[in-house]
């Protein structure tokens, strides 16, 4: 066991779900007029269902491994991390730990709201079993990393969620844990802070036998940080393998996040409205993460309610920093009532990795009658099978990866 960090054996977590019987509810109303005894009897007519959030989970993590935990919402990822962090007790099984553990699961976990940032640093260090001298040695680095020095003596209950996460991560990462467990709480922070955290976790993993467990829906982040992966689905462990195998298995499973979106109708739908948007590859296969350098398309389904003389369908791409990248639109034309789809095919623009917002508009020569800029997004990723174009060397430089004409000449 000298090389083992965590050993999980037959872990399961069961919750009890109460279902109120409909007939019991109706009899309760009737029994109000028939005495308290019937009220009591009828209110007990419930059914209880066993729900296993996790079942028969077994794996062994070696010291120095960086393990990404992957699965769709409801797969059991956060439940597993709470059990590993000793926040929740498992219903079955046991866990063996070999090293000091720190965890960052939810905003505020392990912090006392009435204490200042300074006091919470020492509190968390003490919980981890560190001496005051050990905490003081790391104190300046923690404060510098968290960027909350100005508010260090303010009660943390007055912090914004971003400040809370910055300080919580700084404490968890700098207090010399041998095992660091991080949920996707980092999504609360801005892009620069997320990048900073991933860099710090990468640094930690290179310090001897430090072990990291990381949950994220970003295949790109998981693959860059981790060397092993755990794939959960419906509370069961599907596979524990190299991160490349796990990411590819997950991407092929169809369980990932959205590749289609349902739009809300506009307040004024007299002309028509868009109702569904699909992100697809060039052959119409759903895409959740678009491989960097590949061709892809956006298919928008919409309804037209009356004849329009000058119909235009438009779509814009906006970066994570709200910078417009591209806008495309259809040729103006006369369109009659009915169901339609409009397809925007991207086969000439190579975007760097990241998340981009799509702006969708339907208009005629008088008004834009449906406009949506907050629902649909695309993820350009270098996870799984990476860059599909061999001209791409760096997937994260600038916004556009299209190469300029480059000539290499031997002159001597």
Protein backbone atom coordinates (compact mmCIF):
# COMPACT_ATOMS: atom_id res chain seq x y z
CA UNK A 1 0.00 0.00 0.00
CA UNK A 2 3.03 2.31 0.03
CA UNK A 3 2.18 3.63 -3.43
CA UNK A 4 -1.57 3.98 -2.78
CA UNK A 5 -3.24 7.35 -2.06
CA UNK A 6 -6.90 6.31 -1.87
CA UNK A 7 -8.51 2.87 -1.98
CA UNK A 8 -12.27 2.70 -2.47
CA UNK A 9 -14.05 -0.60 -1.80
CA UNK A 10 -17.73 -1.29 -2.62
CA UNK A 11 -18.85 2.26 -1.93
CA UNK A 12 -22.58 2.92 -2.22
CA UNK A 13 -24.83 5.79 -1.16
CA UNK A 14 -28.58 5.34 -0.72
CA UNK A 15 -31.15 8.07 -0.20
CA UNK A 16 -34.81 7.64 0.72
CA UNK A 17 -37.33 9.48 -1.46
CA UNK A 18 -40.82 10.06 -0.10
CA UNK A 19 -43.76 10.05 -2.52
CA UNK A 20 -47.09 11.38 -1.31
CA UNK A 21 -49.94 9.16 -2.49
CA UNK A 22 -52.42 11.22 -4.52
CA UNK A 23 -55.42 9.44 -3.04
CA UNK A 24 -54.05 10.11 0.41
CA UNK A 25 -53.90 13.82 -0.37
CA UNK A 26 -57.53 13.81 -1.48
CA UNK A 27 -58.64 11.81 1.55
CA UNK A 28 -56.77 14.25 3.78
CA UNK A 29 -58.84 17.13 2.44
CA UNK A 30 -62.05 15.18 2.93
CA UNK A 31 -61.05 14.07 6.39
CA UNK A 32 -60.69 17.66 7.59
CA UNK A 33 -64.45 17.53 8.08
CA UNK A 34 -64.40 14.09 9.66
CA UNK A 35 -62.12 14.46 12.65
CA UNK A 36 -58.49 14.55 13.60
CA UNK A 37 -58.13 10.76 13.69
CA UNK A 38 -58.68 10.40 9.97
CA UNK A 39 -56.30 13.28 9.30
CA UNK A 40 -53.52 11.41 11.07
CA UNK A 41 -54.27 8.12 9.33
CA UNK A 42 -54.50 9.61 5.84
CA UNK A 43 -51.33 11.68 6.18
CA UNK A 44 -49.34 8.48 6.69
CA UNK A 45 -50.22 7.11 3.25
CA UNK A 46 -46.85 7.60 1.61
CA UNK A 47 -44.56 5.42 -0.46
CA UNK A 48 -40.83 5.43 0.11
CA UNK A 49 -38.39 4.73 -2.71
CA UNK A 50 -34.75 3.73 -2.36
CA UNK A 51 -32.48 5.79 -4.61
CA UNK A 52 -28.87 4.73 -5.01
CA UNK A 53 -26.81 7.78 -5.97
CA UNK A 54 -23.75 5.50 -6.05
CA UNK A 55 -23.51 1.73 -6.14
CA UNK A 56 -20.63 -0.77 -6.08
CA UNK A 57 -17.82 1.74 -6.67
CA UNK A 58 -14.32 0.26 -6.56
CA UNK A 59 -11.01 1.82 -7.55
CA UNK A 60 -7.51 2.46 -6.26
CA UNK A 61 -5.67 5.73 -6.89
CA UNK A 62 -1.89 5.73 -6.82
CA UNK A 63 0.17 8.51 -5.27
CA UNK A 64 0.99 11.18 -7.82
CA UNK A 65 -1.99 10.39 -10.06
CA UNK A 66 -4.14 13.23 -11.34
CA UNK A 67 -7.61 11.76 -11.73
CA UNK A 68 -10.43 13.43 -13.66
CA UNK A 69 -13.95 12.33 -12.70
CA UNK A 70 -16.27 12.54 -15.71
CA UNK A 71 -20.01 12.04 -16.17
CA UNK A 72 -23.17 13.94 -16.96
CA UNK A 73 -25.22 15.80 -14.34
CA UNK A 74 -26.68 13.30 -11.89
CA UNK A 75 -24.03 10.66 -12.56
CA UNK A 76 -22.86 10.76 -8.93
CA UNK A 77 -19.64 12.78 -9.30
CA UNK A 78 -20.31 15.30 -6.52
CA UNK A 79 -21.71 12.60 -4.22
CA UNK A 80 -18.51 10.62 -4.67
CA UNK A 81 -16.36 13.66 -3.89
CA UNK A 82 -18.40 14.43 -0.76
CA UNK A 83 -17.88 10.87 0.44
CA UNK A 84 -14.16 11.01 -0.35
CA UNK A 85 -13.98 14.35 1.50
CA UNK A 86 -15.74 12.82 4.55
CA UNK A 87 -18.62 15.28 4.29
CA UNK A 88 -21.13 12.50 3.61
CA UNK A 89 -21.01 8.96 5.03
CA UNK A 90 -21.38 6.10 2.55
CA UNK A 91 -24.21 3.62 3.00
CA UNK A 92 -21.98 0.70 2.09
CA UNK A 93 -18.27 0.08 1.67
CA UNK A 94 -15.15 1.73 3.04
CA UNK A 95 -12.34 4.09 2.00
CA UNK A 96 -8.70 3.96 3.00
CA UNK A 97 -6.57 7.13 2.83
CA UNK A 98 -2.81 7.37 2.78
CA UNK A 99 -1.99 11.06 3.20
CA UNK A 100 -3.35 14.41 4.35
CA UNK A 101 -6.35 15.56 2.33
CA UNK A 102 -7.76 19.00 1.41
CA UNK A 103 -10.95 19.53 -0.58
CA UNK A 104 -12.78 22.34 -2.33
CA UNK A 105 -16.30 21.28 -3.27
CA UNK A 106 -18.80 24.11 -2.84
CA UNK A 107 -18.44 27.83 -2.26
CA UNK A 108 -17.95 28.22 1.48
CA UNK A 109 -17.20 24.61 2.34
CA UNK A 110 -15.02 24.62 5.45
CA UNK A 111 -15.28 28.39 6.01
CA UNK A 112 -17.02 30.18 8.87
CA UNK A 113 -18.91 33.19 7.55
CA UNK A 114 -18.47 35.33 10.66
CA UNK A 115 -14.69 34.92 10.65
CA UNK A 116 -12.39 37.06 8.55
CA UNK A 117 -10.38 35.77 5.62
CA UNK A 118 -7.26 35.80 7.79
CA UNK A 119 -8.95 33.78 10.55
CA UNK A 120 -10.35 31.26 8.06
CA UNK A 121 -6.88 30.60 6.66
CA UNK A 122 -5.70 29.56 10.12
CA UNK A 123 -8.93 27.66 10.82
CA UNK A 124 -8.62 25.59 7.64
CA UNK A 125 -4.96 24.94 8.26
CA UNK A 126 -5.74 23.67 11.75
CA UNK A 127 -8.46 21.39 10.38
CA UNK A 128 -5.86 19.94 8.01
CA UNK A 129 -3.65 19.23 11.00
CA UNK A 130 -1.03 21.91 10.33
CA UNK A 131 0.76 23.81 13.02
CA UNK A 132 0.58 27.58 13.32
CA UNK A 133 4.17 27.89 12.10
CA UNK A 134 3.41 25.81 9.00
CA UNK A 135 0.42 28.01 8.16
CA UNK A 136 2.40 31.20 8.69
CA UNK A 137 5.07 30.00 6.23
CA UNK A 138 2.42 29.68 3.51
CA UNK A 139 0.32 32.68 4.56
CA UNK A 140 1.80 35.31 2.21
CA UNK A 141 1.56 32.96 -0.79
CA UNK A 142 -2.08 32.18 0.02
CA UNK A 143 -2.99 35.86 0.23
CA UNK A 144 -1.10 36.75 -2.95
CA UNK A 145 -2.73 33.93 -4.91
CA UNK A 146 -6.25 34.74 -3.68
CA UNK A 147 -5.96 38.47 -4.54
CA UNK A 148 -8.16 39.41 -1.57
CA UNK A 149 -5.51 41.18 0.54
CA UNK A 150 -7.60 44.36 0.75
CA UNK A 151 -10.44 42.41 2.39
CA UNK A 152 -8.38 40.00 4.45
CA UNK A 153 -9.82 41.23 7.78
CA UNK A 154 -13.42 41.39 6.51
CA UNK A 155 -15.86 38.59 7.50
CA UNK A 156 -16.02 36.20 4.55
CA UNK A 157 -19.84 36.28 4.59
CA UNK A 158 -19.46 39.69 2.93
CA UNK A 159 -17.29 38.32 0.13
CA UNK A 160 -18.61 37.88 -3.39
CA UNK A 161 -18.78 34.29 -4.64
CA UNK A 162 -15.68 34.93 -6.74
CA UNK A 163 -13.68 36.23 -3.77
CA UNK A 164 -14.87 33.30 -1.67
CA UNK A 165 -13.68 30.77 -4.23
CA UNK A 166 -10.33 32.50 -4.77
CA UNK A 167 -9.54 32.40 -1.06
CA UNK A 168 -10.91 28.88 -0.57
CA UNK A 169 -8.85 27.50 -3.45
CA UNK A 170 -5.74 29.35 -2.32
CA UNK A 171 -6.04 27.83 1.15
CA UNK A 172 -6.75 24.30 -0.13
CA UNK A 173 -3.88 24.39 -2.64
CA UNK A 174 -1.16 25.99 -0.49
CA UNK A 175 -1.53 24.17 2.83
CA UNK A 176 0.60 21.29 1.62
CA UNK A 177 -2.08 18.60 1.10
CA UNK A 178 -0.96 15.19 -0.12
CA UNK A 179 -4.41 14.65 -1.66
CA UNK A 180 -6.33 17.57 -3.21
CA UNK A 181 -10.00 17.13 -4.19
CA UNK A 182 -11.58 19.83 -6.36
CA UNK A 183 -15.14 19.98 -7.71
CA UNK A 184 -16.20 22.25 -10.59
CA UNK A 185 -16.62 25.07 -8.08
CA UNK A 186 -13.88 26.81 -10.09
CA UNK A 187 -16.52 27.64 -12.68
CA UNK A 188 -17.56 30.48 -10.35
CA UNK A 189 -14.29 32.28 -11.06
CA UNK A 190 -13.39 34.22 -14.17
CA UNK A 191 -11.38 32.74 -17.06
CA UNK A 192 -8.06 34.15 -15.84
CA UNK A 193 -8.58 32.71 -12.35
CA UNK A 194 -9.60 29.30 -13.73
CA UNK A 195 -6.40 29.20 -15.77
CA UNK A 196 -4.42 30.21 -12.69
CA UNK A 197 -6.02 27.41 -10.63
CA UNK A 198 -5.34 24.78 -13.29
CA UNK A 199 -1.73 25.93 -13.38
CA UNK A 200 -1.46 25.65 -9.61
CA UNK A 201 -2.97 22.16 -9.59
CA UNK A 202 -0.51 21.16 -12.30
CA UNK A 203 2.34 22.49 -10.16
CA UNK A 204 1.05 20.57 -7.12
CA UNK A 205 0.92 17.33 -9.11
CA UNK A 206 4.62 17.68 -9.97
CA UNK A 207 5.64 18.01 -6.32
CA UNK A 208 6.60 14.45 -5.45
CA UNK A 209 3.67 12.14 -4.82
CA UNK A 210 0.85 14.71 -4.58
CA UNK A 211 -2.53 13.30 -5.74
CA UNK A 212 -5.38 15.29 -7.33
CA UNK A 213 -9.04 14.38 -7.95
CA UNK A 214 -10.78 16.84 -10.24
CA UNK A 215 -14.38 17.04 -11.47
CA UNK A 216 -15.12 19.14 -14.54
CA UNK A 217 -17.45 19.16 -17.53
CA UNK A 218 -14.63 20.62 -19.61
CA UNK A 219 -12.94 17.74 -21.39
CA UNK A 220 -10.21 20.16 -22.41
CA UNK A 221 -9.36 21.07 -18.79
CA UNK A 222 -9.55 17.46 -17.61
CA UNK A 223 -7.33 16.16 -20.36
CA UNK A 224 -4.72 18.87 -19.89
CA UNK A 225 -4.47 18.34 -16.12
CA UNK A 226 -5.13 14.63 -15.55
CA UNK A 227 -3.39 11.40 -16.48
CA UNK A 228 -6.16 9.05 -15.28
CA UNK A 229 -9.94 9.22 -15.54
CA UNK A 230 -13.03 7.80 -13.84
CA UNK A 231 -16.23 7.65 -15.91
CA UNK A 232 -19.47 7.54 -13.89
CA UNK A 233 -22.96 7.00 -15.27
CA UNK A 234 -26.18 6.69 -13.27
CA UNK A 235 -24.28 6.09 -10.05
CA UNK A 236 -22.05 3.31 -11.40
CA UNK A 237 -18.41 3.23 -12.38
CA UNK A 238 -18.21 2.53 -16.10
CA UNK A 239 -14.42 2.56 -16.42
CA UNK A 240 -11.21 3.69 -14.71
CA UNK A 241 -8.42 4.10 -17.25
CA UNK A 242 -6.01 6.55 -18.86
CA UNK A 243 -7.55 9.98 -19.36
CA UNK A 244 -7.34 9.67 -23.15
CA UNK A 245 -9.39 6.46 -23.12
CA UNK A 246 -11.91 7.86 -20.64
CA UNK A 247 -12.43 11.13 -22.55
CA UNK A 248 -12.90 9.34 -25.87
CA UNK A 249 -15.30 6.84 -24.27
CA UNK A 250 -17.33 9.68 -22.76
CA UNK A 251 -17.42 11.70 -25.97
CA UNK A 252 -18.62 8.64 -27.88
CA UNK A 253 -21.28 7.79 -25.29
CA UNK A 254 -23.64 10.64 -26.19
CA UNK A 255 -24.01 11.45 -22.47
CA UNK A 256 -22.16 14.76 -22.63
CA UNK A 257 -23.66 18.20 -22.20
CA UNK A 258 -25.94 19.89 -24.68
CA UNK A 259 -25.70 19.66 -28.43
CA UNK A 260 -29.22 21.03 -28.85
CA UNK A 261 -31.09 23.90 -27.29
CA UNK A 262 -34.75 24.81 -26.93
CA UNK A 263 -35.39 28.55 -27.22
CA UNK A 264 -38.06 30.52 -25.43
CA UNK A 265 -40.65 32.24 -27.56
CA UNK A 266 -40.34 36.04 -27.85
CA UNK A 267 -42.91 38.27 -26.19
CA UNK A 268 -44.19 39.34 -29.61
CA UNK A 269 -44.44 36.33 -31.90
CA UNK A 270 -46.77 37.75 -34.53
CA UNK A 271 -44.26 37.17 -37.35
CA UNK A 272 -42.69 33.95 -36.12
CA UNK A 273 -40.10 32.51 -33.76
CA UNK A 274 -37.11 30.16 -33.55
CA UNK A 275 -37.63 27.18 -31.26
CA UNK A 276 -34.68 24.75 -31.55
CA UNK A 277 -30.95 25.04 -32.24
CA UNK A 278 -28.71 22.06 -33.01
CA UNK A 279 -24.88 21.97 -32.98
CA UNK A 280 -23.68 19.35 -35.48
CA UNK A 281 -20.71 18.18 -37.47
CA UNK A 282 -20.73 18.67 -41.24
CA UNK A 283 -22.72 15.43 -41.67
CA UNK A 284 -25.42 16.29 -39.14
CA UNK A 285 -24.08 14.29 -36.17
CA UNK A 286 -24.63 16.06 -32.80
CA UNK A 287 -21.53 17.73 -31.35
CA UNK A 288 -21.04 18.74 -27.72
CA UNK A 289 -17.41 19.70 -28.04
CA UNK A 290 -16.20 20.72 -31.49
CA UNK A 291 -12.69 19.39 -32.26
CA UNK A 292 -10.44 22.36 -32.96
CA UNK A 293 -9.87 22.79 -36.69
CA UNK A 294 -12.89 20.71 -37.78
CA UNK A 295 -15.92 21.73 -39.83
CA UNK A 296 -19.22 22.17 -37.99
CA UNK A 297 -22.66 23.66 -38.45
CA UNK A 298 -25.52 25.24 -36.55
CA UNK A 299 -29.06 24.25 -37.55
CA UNK A 300 -31.86 26.56 -36.42
CA UNK A 301 -35.49 25.42 -36.63
CA UNK A 302 -38.15 28.13 -36.70
CA UNK A 303 -41.80 28.86 -37.43
CA UNK A 304 -43.09 31.64 -39.69
CA UNK A 305 -46.67 32.75 -38.98
CA UNK A 306 -47.32 35.12 -41.89
CA UNK A 307 -45.88 36.03 -45.28
CA UNK A 308 -42.72 38.13 -44.97
CA UNK A 309 -41.30 40.16 -47.84
CA UNK A 310 -37.69 40.54 -46.71
CA UNK A 311 -36.83 37.65 -44.41
CA UNK A 312 -33.28 37.28 -43.07
CA UNK A 313 -31.90 34.68 -40.64
CA UNK A 314 -28.71 35.74 -38.90
CA UNK A 315 -26.15 34.22 -36.54
CA UNK A 316 -23.17 35.76 -34.75
CA UNK A 317 -20.25 34.23 -32.87
CA UNK A 318 -19.07 36.07 -29.74
CA UNK A 319 -15.95 35.25 -27.71
CA UNK A 320 -15.82 34.66 -23.94
CA UNK A 321 -14.73 38.29 -23.59
CA UNK A 322 -17.87 39.45 -25.47
CA UNK A 323 -15.90 40.31 -28.60
CA UNK A 324 -17.83 39.74 -31.85
CA UNK A 325 -15.91 37.25 -33.98
CA UNK A 326 -18.18 36.73 -36.98
CA UNK A 327 -21.69 37.49 -38.20
CA UNK A 328 -23.43 35.62 -41.00
CA UNK A 329 -26.90 35.98 -42.53
CA UNK A 330 -29.08 34.49 -45.22
CA UNK A 331 -29.95 36.19 -48.51
CA UNK A 332 -33.09 38.36 -48.11
CA UNK A 333 -36.12 36.60 -49.62
CA UNK A 334 -39.89 36.28 -49.55
CA UNK A 335 -41.03 33.56 -47.17
CA UNK A 336 -44.51 32.09 -46.58
CA UNK A 337 -45.99 30.70 -43.33
CA UNK A 338 -44.65 27.30 -42.32
CA UNK A 339 -41.90 25.35 -40.55
CA UNK A 340 -38.31 26.00 -41.66
CA UNK A 341 -34.70 25.34 -40.81
CA UNK A 342 -31.67 27.43 -41.62
CA UNK A 343 -28.17 25.97 -41.54
CA UNK A 344 -25.00 27.95 -40.91
CA UNK A 345 -21.97 25.87 -41.95
CA UNK A 346 -18.52 26.76 -40.63
CA UNK A 347 -15.91 25.33 -43.00
CA UNK A 348 -13.46 28.20 -43.34
CA UNK A 349 -12.95 29.71 -39.88
CA UNK A 350 -10.76 27.90 -37.33
CA UNK A 351 -11.37 29.19 -33.80
CA UNK A 352 -9.03 28.72 -30.85
CA UNK A 353 -10.16 26.47 -28.02
CA UNK A 354 -12.74 27.94 -25.64
CA UNK A 355 -16.44 28.62 -25.22
CA UNK A 356 -18.21 30.94 -27.65
CA UNK A 357 -21.70 32.41 -27.46
CA UNK A 358 -24.04 32.26 -30.44
CA UNK A 359 -26.33 35.20 -31.21
CA UNK A 360 -29.40 34.26 -33.23
CA UNK A 361 -31.79 36.63 -34.99
CA UNK A 362 -34.80 36.43 -37.32
CA UNK A 363 -35.90 39.63 -39.05
CA UNK A 364 -37.66 41.25 -41.96
CA UNK A 365 -37.17 44.72 -43.43
CA UNK A 366 -39.13 46.29 -40.54
CA UNK A 367 -38.09 44.54 -37.32
CA UNK A 368 -36.00 41.80 -35.73
CA UNK A 369 -38.83 39.69 -34.42
CA UNK A 370 -36.75 37.04 -32.62
CA UNK A 371 -33.37 37.75 -31.02
CA UNK A 372 -31.48 35.45 -28.63
CA UNK A 373 -28.00 36.07 -27.27
CA UNK A 374 -27.99 34.18 -23.97
CA UNK A 375 -29.00 30.56 -24.57
CA UNK A 376 -26.75 28.85 -27.11
CA UNK A 377 -23.00 28.31 -26.89
CA UNK A 378 -20.38 26.16 -28.58
CA UNK A 379 -17.21 24.66 -27.12
CA UNK A 380 -14.13 24.40 -29.32
CA UNK A 381 -11.95 21.73 -27.71
CA UNK A 382 -8.64 20.00 -28.21
CA UNK A 383 -9.74 17.07 -26.02
CA UNK A 384 -10.11 13.57 -27.41
CA UNK A 385 -8.82 13.50 -30.95
CA UNK A 386 -7.04 16.84 -30.99
CA UNK A 387 -6.47 19.30 -33.83
CA UNK A 388 -7.88 17.87 -37.06
CA UNK A 389 -5.72 20.21 -39.15
CA UNK A 390 -1.98 19.51 -39.15
CA UNK A 391 -1.28 23.21 -39.71
CA UNK A 392 -2.46 23.93 -36.15
CA UNK A 393 0.47 24.03 -33.74
CA UNK A 394 -0.91 26.06 -30.80
CA UNK A 395 -4.65 25.72 -30.10
CA UNK A 396 -4.89 28.68 -27.71
CA UNK A 397 -3.25 31.66 -29.43
CA UNK A 398 -5.50 34.62 -30.27
CA UNK A 399 -9.01 33.94 -31.58
CA UNK A 400 -8.42 32.72 -35.13
CA UNK A 401 -6.14 29.85 -36.12
CA UNK A 402 -6.36 30.30 -39.91
CA UNK A 403 -2.74 30.47 -41.08
CA UNK A 404 -1.42 33.30 -43.19
CA UNK A 405 0.48 32.48 -46.36
CA UNK A 406 3.90 31.47 -45.09
CA UNK A 407 6.89 30.83 -47.32
CA UNK A 408 10.03 29.07 -46.14
CA UNK A 409 13.06 29.54 -48.38
CA UNK A 410 16.54 28.13 -48.11
CA UNK A 411 18.89 30.98 -48.98
CA UNK A 412 22.24 29.36 -48.35
